[in-house]
Amino acid sequence: MLPIIALDFQTLSETEAFLDQFPVDEPLMVKIGMELFYGEGPKSLASLRRNRQLDIF
């Protein structure tokens, strides 16, 4: 079972900078915070899923 990492950042760039700490091939399950979703919209989720192959909770 994977731990769920909370992505409580306001911008997609802040979120991506945080995710850069993890190896690209490491499977991650993440929770998207309301700040990011409301500020950047659903396109931010699509971008993270497409570019980082994240499982999003």
Protein backbone atom coordinates (compact mmCIF):
# COMPACT_ATOMS: atom_id res chain seq x y z
CA MET A 1 0.00 0.00 0.00
CA LEU A 2 1.29 3.43 -0.95
CA PRO A 3 1.12 6.37 1.44
CA ILE A 4 -0.96 9.30 0.23
CA ILE A 5 1.03 12.51 -0.11
CA ALA A 6 -0.94 15.75 0.39
CA LEU A 7 -0.18 18.35 -2.28
CA ASP A 8 -1.45 21.43 -0.48
CA PHE A 9 0.18 24.05 -2.67
CA GLN A 10 -1.36 27.08 -4.36
CA THR A 11 0.25 26.75 -7.78
CA LEU A 12 1.16 24.01 -10.20
CA SER A 13 4.77 25.21 -10.25
CA GLU A 14 5.04 24.87 -6.44
CA THR A 15 3.52 21.40 -6.68
CA GLU A 16 5.90 20.31 -9.42
CA ALA A 17 8.91 21.68 -7.49
CA PHE A 18 7.89 19.55 -4.50
CA LEU A 19 7.40 16.46 -6.68
CA ASP A 20 10.87 16.91 -8.19
CA GLN A 21 12.22 15.44 -4.93
CA PHE A 22 10.92 12.01 -5.89
CA PRO A 23 12.37 9.68 -8.54
CA VAL A 24 10.42 9.82 -11.81
CA ASP A 25 9.76 6.07 -11.80
CA GLU A 26 8.55 5.98 -8.18
CA PRO A 27 4.79 5.33 -7.98
CA LEU A 28 3.06 8.00 -5.92
CA MET A 29 -0.47 8.47 -4.69
CA VAL A 30 -1.35 12.09 -4.03
CA LYS A 31 -4.20 14.18 -2.71
CA ILE A 32 -4.74 17.48 -4.51
CA GLY A 33 -5.54 20.36 -2.20
CA MET A 34 -8.43 22.75 -2.79
CA GLU A 35 -6.00 25.65 -3.19
CA LEU A 36 -4.44 24.09 -6.28
CA PHE A 37 -7.72 22.87 -7.74
CA TYR A 38 -9.52 26.20 -7.29
CA GLY A 39 -6.53 28.26 -8.37
CA GLU A 40 -5.36 26.23 -11.37
CA GLY A 41 -8.45 24.20 -12.22
CA PRO A 42 -8.88 20.65 -13.50
CA LYS A 43 -6.13 21.17 -16.08
CA SER A 44 -3.61 20.98 -13.23
CA LEU A 45 -4.79 17.46 -12.36
CA ALA A 46 -4.63 16.39 -15.99
CA SER A 47 -1.12 17.80 -16.30
CA LEU A 48 0.13 16.04 -13.17
CA ARG A 49 -1.46 12.76 -14.20
CA ARG A 50 -0.07 12.96 -17.74
CA ASN A 51 3.44 14.24 -16.94
CA ARG A 52 4.10 12.39 -13.68
CA GLN A 53 1.86 9.30 -13.88
CA LEU A 54 0.44 9.97 -10.42
CA ASP A 55 -2.44 8.17 -8.82
CA ILE A 56 -4.69 11.00 -7.66
CA PHE A 57 -6.96 10.63 -4.64
